[in-house]
Amino acid sequence: MNRKTFIAATAALVIVGCGQNDTPVTDSGGDGAPSGRYAVDRLHTYLSFSYLHQGLSYPLLRATDVMGELQFDSEDMSNSIIDVSVAAASIRTNVEHFDKELASRKFFNADKYPYMTFSTDHFEATSDNEGVLHGNVTIKGITKPLELVVTFNDGFVHPVLEVPVLGFSATGSLSRSDFGLDRFVPVVSDTVVLNIEVEFRHGSTDESLAAASIARDGV
């Protein structure tokens, strides 16, 4: 499989964030990205959800707590694995009352099911830097297959952080009724569109290891 081909995750329009101290870099073609464990860079990762509301608009919701790990194989991307956990209570709508309602038993029941997770099954390359990531998503204790169309944007040694970094964009969709989230269907659409922008930083953290374990093993 081509070196440039790979995976991205989780769990959505999204904007790639860039900290004020980040230095622009040129396209390296991903050649500076060695194999190893990479933690989700929470400061530069965005998972958003949209759906049709009463035929009028597509509200944009964002999960603000996304954690996990990528086990990256630069020689054979089919061996790479991603495990991501999203805190169910971290979804934000810009309406405080609705945020609380989504976390309640009416929707995600975050007290009983604190995490939504995604884990890799396999990856299918469609071009040098694009492919389809096949995996399993678990929401409210219900697991279903999920496909994400993925673009590998780049990988290099960050000139400021001086560690390898990777970046991906991904899109997908799911039916919320599959996960017991059918409240207000069909007035509010069953289909939810996911948009993901994710960056990974070489190395593990206690948080990334714990989140990957939750996604992979449910613990």
C-alpha atoms as a PDB file:
ATOM      1  CA  MET A   1       0.000   0.000   0.000  1.00  0.00           C
ATOM      2  CA  ASN A   2       1.295   3.488  -0.871  1.00  0.00           C
ATOM      3  CA  ARG A   3       3.160   5.391   1.879  1.00  0.00           C
ATOM      4  CA  LYS A   4       0.785   8.328   1.595  1.00  0.00           C
ATOM      5  CA  THR A   5      -2.311   6.265   2.180  1.00  0.00           C
ATOM      6  CA  PHE A   6      -3.876   5.982   5.548  1.00  0.00           C
ATOM      7  CA  ILE A   7      -6.609   6.346   8.085  1.00  0.00           C
ATOM      8  CA  ALA A   8      -8.366   8.864  10.199  1.00  0.00           C
ATOM      9  CA  ALA A   9     -10.936   8.587  12.664  1.00  0.00           C
ATOM     10  CA  THR A  10     -13.663   9.176  15.084  1.00  0.00           C
ATOM     11  CA  ALA A  11     -17.070  10.028  15.735  1.00  0.00           C
ATOM     12  CA  ALA A  12     -19.462  15.864  12.216  1.00  0.00           C
ATOM     13  CA  LEU A  13     -18.317  20.792   9.247  1.00  0.00           C
ATOM     14  CA  VAL A  14     -14.932  21.097  10.732  1.00  0.00           C
ATOM     15  CA  ILE A  15     -12.126  23.696  10.715  1.00  0.00           C
ATOM     16  CA  VAL A  16      -8.478  22.817  11.158  1.00  0.00           C
ATOM     17  CA  GLY A  17      -7.121  24.829  14.093  1.00  0.00           C
ATOM     18  CA  CYS A  18      -3.698  26.379  14.097  1.00  0.00           C
ATOM     19  CA  GLY A  19      -2.159  27.780  17.282  1.00  0.00           C
ATOM     20  CA  GLN A  20      -0.660  31.251  17.176  1.00  0.00           C
ATOM     21  CA  ASN A  21       2.843  29.882  17.677  1.00  0.00           C
ATOM     22  CA  ASP A  22       2.600  27.266  14.917  1.00  0.00           C
ATOM     23  CA  THR A  23       5.043  27.754  12.057  1.00  0.00           C
ATOM     24  CA  PRO A  24       3.881  27.118   8.450  1.00  0.00           C
ATOM     25  CA  VAL A  25       5.591  24.230   6.698  1.00  0.00           C
ATOM     26  CA  THR A  26       5.758  23.013   3.126  1.00  0.00           C
ATOM     27  CA  ASP A  27       4.321  19.723   1.889  1.00  0.00           C
ATOM     28  CA  SER A  28       6.742  16.937   2.777  1.00  0.00           C
ATOM     29  CA  GLY A  29       4.711  14.176   1.166  1.00  0.00           C
ATOM     30  CA  GLY A  30       4.470  12.409   4.516  1.00  0.00           C
ATOM     31  CA  ASP A  31       8.071  11.202   4.303  1.00  0.00           C
ATOM     32  CA  GLY A  32       8.881  12.541   7.774  1.00  0.00           C
ATOM     33  CA  ALA A  33       6.323  10.365   9.557  1.00  0.00           C
ATOM     34  CA  PRO A  34       7.910   7.246  11.108  1.00  0.00           C
ATOM     35  CA  SER A  35       6.047   4.228  12.407  1.00  0.00           C
ATOM     36  CA  GLY A  36       4.941   4.248  16.025  1.00  0.00           C
ATOM     37  CA  ARG A  37       2.242   5.385  18.397  1.00  0.00           C
ATOM     38  CA  TYR A  38       0.646   8.781  17.878  1.00  0.00           C
ATOM     39  CA  ALA A  39      -1.720  10.511  20.304  1.00  0.00           C
ATOM     40  CA  VAL A  40      -4.672  12.609  19.162  1.00  0.00           C
ATOM     41  CA  ASP A  41      -3.672  16.280  19.365  1.00  0.00           C
ATOM     42  CA  ARG A  42      -6.719  17.596  21.223  1.00  0.00           C
ATOM     43  CA  LEU A  43      -5.854  21.223  20.401  1.00  0.00           C
ATOM     44  CA  HIS A  44      -6.013  20.544  16.666  1.00  0.00           C
ATOM     45  CA  THR A  45      -8.810  17.987  16.382  1.00  0.00           C
ATOM     46  CA  TYR A  46     -12.408  18.763  15.461  1.00  0.00           C
ATOM     47  CA  LEU A  47     -15.381  16.399  15.276  1.00  0.00           C
ATOM     48  CA  SER A  48     -18.672  17.942  14.197  1.00  0.00           C
ATOM     49  CA  PHE A  49     -22.186  16.638  13.468  1.00  0.00           C
ATOM     50  CA  SER A  50     -24.923  18.072  11.262  1.00  0.00           C
ATOM     51  CA  TYR A  51     -28.501  17.051  10.451  1.00  0.00           C
ATOM     52  CA  LEU A  52     -31.556  18.504   8.737  1.00  0.00           C
ATOM     53  CA  HIS A  53     -33.731  20.367  11.233  1.00  0.00           C
ATOM     54  CA  GLN A  54     -37.407  20.515  10.224  1.00  0.00           C
ATOM     55  CA  GLY A  55     -36.375  20.908   6.584  1.00  0.00           C
ATOM     56  CA  LEU A  56     -35.054  24.382   7.387  1.00  0.00           C
ATOM     57  CA  SER A  57     -31.365  24.247   8.277  1.00  0.00           C
ATOM     58  CA  TYR A  58     -28.388  22.058   9.149  1.00  0.00           C
ATOM     59  CA  PRO A  59     -27.337  22.804  12.749  1.00  0.00           C
ATOM     60  CA  LEU A  60     -23.658  22.271  13.518  1.00  0.00           C
ATOM     61  CA  LEU A  61     -22.769  20.460  16.742  1.00  0.00           C
ATOM     62  CA  ARG A  62     -19.249  19.793  17.960  1.00  0.00           C
ATOM     63  CA  ALA A  63     -17.708  17.227  20.312  1.00  0.00           C
ATOM     64  CA  THR A  64     -15.121  19.052  22.405  1.00  0.00           C
ATOM     65  CA  ASP A  65     -13.442  16.094  24.130  1.00  0.00           C
ATOM     66  CA  VAL A  66     -11.849  13.692  21.621  1.00  0.00           C
ATOM     67  CA  MET A  67      -8.989  11.422  22.700  1.00  0.00           C
ATOM     68  CA  GLY A  68      -7.247   8.318  21.433  1.00  0.00           C
ATOM     69  CA  GLU A  69      -4.309   6.861  19.564  1.00  0.00           C
ATOM     70  CA  LEU A  70      -3.082   5.881  16.147  1.00  0.00           C
ATOM     71  CA  GLN A  71      -0.669   2.965  15.809  1.00  0.00           C
ATOM     72  CA  PHE A  72       0.983   4.024  12.566  1.00  0.00           C
ATOM     73  CA  ASP A  73       2.822   1.641  10.217  1.00  0.00           C
ATOM     74  CA  SER A  74       4.587   3.741   7.579  1.00  0.00           C
ATOM     75  CA  GLU A  75       5.614   0.698   5.554  1.00  0.00           C
ATOM     76  CA  ASP A  76       2.245  -1.069   5.407  1.00  0.00           C
ATOM     77  CA  MET A  77      -0.682   1.178   6.193  1.00  0.00           C
ATOM     78  CA  SER A  78      -3.073  -1.780   6.388  1.00  0.00           C
ATOM     79  CA  ASN A  79      -1.364  -2.651   9.687  1.00  0.00           C
ATOM     80  CA  SER A  80      -2.185   0.747  11.194  1.00  0.00           C
ATOM     81  CA  ILE A  81      -4.856   0.974  13.879  1.00  0.00           C
ATOM     82  CA  ILE A  82      -6.868   3.841  15.327  1.00  0.00           C
ATOM     83  CA  ASP A  83      -8.865   3.802  18.567  1.00  0.00           C
ATOM     84  CA  VAL A  84     -10.749   6.954  19.569  1.00  0.00           C
ATOM     85  CA  SER A  85     -13.083   7.834  22.443  1.00  0.00           C
ATOM     86  CA  VAL A  86     -15.416  10.853  22.515  1.00  0.00           C
ATOM     87  CA  ALA A  87     -16.948  12.057  25.776  1.00  0.00           C
ATOM     88  CA  ALA A  88     -20.716  11.987  25.251  1.00  0.00           C
ATOM     89  CA  ALA A  89     -21.236  14.930  27.598  1.00  0.00           C
ATOM     90  CA  SER A  90     -18.834  17.090  25.576  1.00  0.00           C
ATOM     91  CA  ILE A  91     -21.193  17.828  22.659  1.00  0.00           C
ATOM     92  CA  ARG A  92     -21.825  21.553  22.302  1.00  0.00           C
ATOM     93  CA  THR A  93     -24.622  23.283  20.389  1.00  0.00           C
ATOM     94  CA  ASN A  94     -24.221  26.945  21.479  1.00  0.00           C
ATOM     95  CA  VAL A  95     -27.457  26.445  23.454  1.00  0.00           C
ATOM     96  CA  GLU A  96     -26.714  25.518  27.069  1.00  0.00           C
ATOM     97  CA  HIS A  97     -30.128  23.947  27.686  1.00  0.00           C
ATOM     98  CA  PHE A  98     -29.786  21.739  24.613  1.00  0.00           C
ATOM     99  CA  ASP A  99     -26.257  20.699  25.649  1.00  0.00           C
ATOM    100  CA  LYS A 100     -27.672  19.393  28.923  1.00  0.00           C
ATOM    101  CA  GLU A 101     -30.584  17.699  27.179  1.00  0.00           C
ATOM    102  CA  LEU A 102     -28.253  15.862  24.786  1.00  0.00           C
ATOM    103  CA  ALA A 103     -26.268  14.521  27.746  1.00  0.00           C
ATOM    104  CA  SER A 104     -29.466  13.430  29.517  1.00  0.00           C
ATOM    105  CA  ARG A 105     -31.383  10.154  29.242  1.00  0.00           C
ATOM    106  CA  LYS A 106     -33.465  11.711  26.464  1.00  0.00           C
ATOM    107  CA  PHE A 107     -30.485  11.342  24.124  1.00  0.00           C
ATOM    108  CA  PHE A 108     -26.950  10.097  24.922  1.00  0.00           C
ATOM    109  CA  ASN A 109     -27.480   9.234  28.610  1.00  0.00           C
ATOM    110  CA  ALA A 110     -23.898  10.248  29.345  1.00  0.00           C
ATOM    111  CA  ASP A 111     -24.065   9.153  32.992  1.00  0.00           C
ATOM    112  CA  LYS A 112     -24.602   5.539  31.935  1.00  0.00           C
ATOM    113  CA  TYR A 113     -22.721   5.656  28.612  1.00  0.00           C
ATOM    114  CA  PRO A 114     -19.957   8.254  29.086  1.00  0.00           C
ATOM    115  CA  TYR A 115     -18.114   7.527  25.825  1.00  0.00           C
ATOM    116  CA  MET A 116     -18.785   7.108  22.129  1.00  0.00           C
ATOM    117  CA  THR A 117     -15.983   5.123  20.507  1.00  0.00           C
ATOM    118  CA  PHE A 118     -14.541   4.177  17.134  1.00  0.00           C
ATOM    119  CA  SER A 119     -12.062   1.396  16.352  1.00  0.00           C
ATOM    120  CA  THR A 120     -10.475   0.287  13.092  1.00  0.00           C
ATOM    121  CA  ASP A 121     -11.503  -2.829  11.195  1.00  0.00           C
ATOM    122  CA  HIS A 122      -9.627  -2.313   7.928  1.00  0.00           C
ATOM    123  CA  PHE A 123      -8.608   0.365   5.427  1.00  0.00           C
ATOM    124  CA  GLU A 124      -9.233   0.377   1.672  1.00  0.00           C
ATOM    125  CA  ALA A 125      -7.039   2.671  -0.445  1.00  0.00           C
ATOM    126  CA  THR A 126      -8.657   4.526  -3.353  1.00  0.00           C
ATOM    127  CA  SER A 127      -5.729   6.778  -4.360  1.00  0.00           C
ATOM    128  CA  ASP A 128      -2.284   7.844  -3.180  1.00  0.00           C
ATOM    129  CA  ASN A 129      -3.650   9.904  -0.313  1.00  0.00           C
ATOM    130  CA  GLU A 130      -7.305   8.836   0.005  1.00  0.00           C
ATOM    131  CA  GLY A 131      -9.234   5.794   1.070  1.00  0.00           C
ATOM    132  CA  VAL A 132     -12.134   4.355   3.039  1.00  0.00           C
ATOM    133  CA  LEU A 133     -11.650   3.481   6.679  1.00  0.00           C
ATOM    134  CA  HIS A 134     -13.904   0.649   7.839  1.00  0.00           C
ATOM    135  CA  GLY A 135     -14.496   0.377  11.549  1.00  0.00           C
ATOM    136  CA  ASN A 136     -16.999   0.045  14.345  1.00  0.00           C
ATOM    137  CA  VAL A 137     -18.686   2.858  16.238  1.00  0.00           C
ATOM    138  CA  THR A 138     -20.274   2.314  19.637  1.00  0.00           C
ATOM    139  CA  ILE A 139     -22.899   4.720  20.999  1.00  0.00           C
ATOM    140  CA  LYS A 140     -25.062   4.011  24.076  1.00  0.00           C
ATOM    141  CA  GLY A 141     -23.647   0.498  24.221  1.00  0.00           C
ATOM    142  CA  ILE A 142     -24.737  -0.301  20.648  1.00  0.00           C
ATOM    143  CA  THR A 143     -22.050  -1.151  18.100  1.00  0.00           C
ATOM    144  CA  LYS A 144     -22.513  -0.681  14.353  1.00  0.00           C
ATOM    145  CA  PRO A 145     -20.156  -0.560  11.353  1.00  0.00           C
ATOM    146  CA  LEU A 146     -19.084   2.878  10.132  1.00  0.00           C
ATOM    147  CA  GLU A 147     -17.229   3.908   6.976  1.00  0.00           C
ATOM    148  CA  LEU A 148     -15.192   7.110   6.827  1.00  0.00           C
ATOM    149  CA  VAL A 149     -13.839   8.601   3.603  1.00  0.00           C
ATOM    150  CA  VAL A 150     -10.340   9.696   4.569  1.00  0.00           C
ATOM    151  CA  THR A 151      -7.751  12.066   3.132  1.00  0.00           C
ATOM    152  CA  PHE A 152      -4.171  11.937   4.421  1.00  0.00           C
ATOM    153  CA  ASN A 153      -3.100  15.578   4.364  1.00  0.00           C
ATOM    154  CA  ASP A 154       0.563  15.301   5.373  1.00  0.00           C
ATOM    155  CA  GLY A 155       3.116  14.031   7.868  1.00  0.00           C
ATOM    156  CA  PHE A 156       6.410  15.609   8.923  1.00  0.00           C
ATOM    157  CA  VAL A 157       8.608  16.560  11.851  1.00  0.00           C
ATOM    158  CA  HIS A 158       7.029  19.676  13.317  1.00  0.00           C
ATOM    159  CA  PRO A 159       9.557  22.550  13.149  1.00  0.00           C
ATOM    160  CA  VAL A 160       8.538  23.957  16.557  1.00  0.00           C
ATOM    161  CA  LEU A 161       7.539  20.861  18.528  1.00  0.00           C
ATOM    162  CA  GLU A 162      10.385  18.821  16.954  1.00  0.00           C
ATOM    163  CA  VAL A 163       8.285  15.640  16.920  1.00  0.00           C
ATOM    164  CA  PRO A 164       6.598  13.822  14.013  1.00  0.00           C
ATOM    165  CA  VAL A 165       3.000  14.862  13.346  1.00  0.00           C
ATOM    166  CA  LEU A 166       0.261  13.575  11.035  1.00  0.00           C
ATOM    167  CA  GLY A 167      -2.941  15.161   9.746  1.00  0.00           C
ATOM    168  CA  PHE A 168      -6.141  13.731   8.242  1.00  0.00           C
ATOM    169  CA  SER A 169      -9.595  14.823   7.113  1.00  0.00           C
ATOM    170  CA  ALA A 170     -12.584  12.458   7.107  1.00  0.00           C
ATOM    171  CA  THR A 171     -16.304  12.409   6.406  1.00  0.00           C
ATOM    172  CA  GLY A 172     -19.064   9.885   6.970  1.00  0.00           C
ATOM    173  CA  SER A 173     -22.665   9.470   8.049  1.00  0.00           C
ATOM    174  CA  LEU A 174     -24.790   7.324  10.321  1.00  0.00           C
ATOM    175  CA  SER A 175     -28.441   6.804  11.257  1.00  0.00           C
ATOM    176  CA  ARG A 176     -29.070   7.959  14.802  1.00  0.00           C
ATOM    177  CA  SER A 177     -32.032   5.602  15.143  1.00  0.00           C
ATOM    178  CA  ASP A 178     -29.553   2.700  14.968  1.00  0.00           C
ATOM    179  CA  PHE A 179     -28.314   3.805  18.385  1.00  0.00           C
ATOM    180  CA  GLY A 180     -31.615   4.507  20.117  1.00  0.00           C
ATOM    181  CA  LEU A 181     -31.410   8.219  19.294  1.00  0.00           C
ATOM    182  CA  ASP A 182     -34.588   8.443  17.209  1.00  0.00           C
ATOM    183  CA  ARG A 183     -36.224  11.274  19.154  1.00  0.00           C
ATOM    184  CA  PHE A 184     -38.130  13.633  16.795  1.00  0.00           C
ATOM    185  CA  VAL A 185     -37.536  11.521  13.652  1.00  0.00           C
ATOM    186  CA  PRO A 186     -38.605  12.309  10.905  1.00  0.00           C
ATOM    187  CA  VAL A 187     -39.196  15.994  11.752  1.00  0.00           C
ATOM    188  CA  VAL A 188     -35.484  16.081  12.552  1.00  0.00           C
ATOM    189  CA  SER A 189     -33.590  13.882  10.099  1.00  0.00           C
ATOM    190  CA  ASP A 190     -32.387  10.426  11.059  1.00  0.00           C
ATOM    191  CA  THR A 191     -29.180  10.852   9.039  1.00  0.00           C
ATOM    192  CA  VAL A 192     -26.304  12.590  10.814  1.00  0.00           C
ATOM    193  CA  VAL A 193     -23.293  13.763   8.795  1.00  0.00           C
ATOM    194  CA  LEU A 194     -19.860  13.565  10.413  1.00  0.00           C
ATOM    195  CA  ASN A 195     -16.947  15.847   9.540  1.00  0.00           C
ATOM    196  CA  ILE A 196     -13.571  15.272  11.133  1.00  0.00           C
ATOM    197  CA  GLU A 197     -10.255  17.098  11.134  1.00  0.00           C
ATOM    198  CA  VAL A 198      -7.633  15.348  13.234  1.00  0.00           C
ATOM    199  CA  GLU A 199      -3.947  15.794  13.951  1.00  0.00           C
ATOM    200  CA  PHE A 200      -1.731  13.261  15.720  1.00  0.00           C
ATOM    201  CA  ARG A 201       1.487  13.862  17.639  1.00  0.00           C
ATOM    202  CA  HIS A 202       4.139  11.146  17.980  1.00  0.00           C
ATOM    203  CA  GLY A 203       4.143   9.421  21.348  1.00  0.00           C
ATOM    204  CA  SER A 204       1.551   8.306  23.880  1.00  0.00           C
ATOM    205  CA  THR A 205       0.125  10.057  26.926  1.00  0.00           C
ATOM    206  CA  ASP A 206      -1.744   8.616  29.900  1.00  0.00           C
ATOM    207  CA  GLU A 207      -4.950  10.126  28.487  1.00  0.00           C
ATOM    208  CA  SER A 208      -4.440   8.787  24.971  1.00  0.00           C
ATOM    209  CA  LEU A 209      -3.642   5.290  26.223  1.00  0.00           C
ATOM    210  CA  ALA A 210      -6.712   5.256  28.480  1.00  0.00           C
ATOM    211  CA  ALA A 211      -8.981   6.531  25.681  1.00  0.00           C
ATOM    212  CA  ALA A 212      -7.634   3.928  23.232  1.00  0.00           C
ATOM    213  CA  SER A 213      -8.244   1.185  25.809  1.00  0.00           C
ATOM    214  CA  ILE A 214     -11.855   2.352  26.258  1.00  0.00           C
ATOM    215  CA  ALA A 215     -12.410   2.289  22.497  1.00  0.00           C
ATOM    216  CA  ARG A 216     -10.739  -1.060  21.962  1.00  0.00           C
ATOM    217  CA  ASP A 217     -11.743  -3.017  25.056  1.00  0.00           C
ATOM    218  CA  GLY A 218     -14.550  -1.025  26.617  1.00  0.00           C
ATOM    219  CA  VAL A 219     -12.487  -0.425  29.775  1.00  0.00           C
END
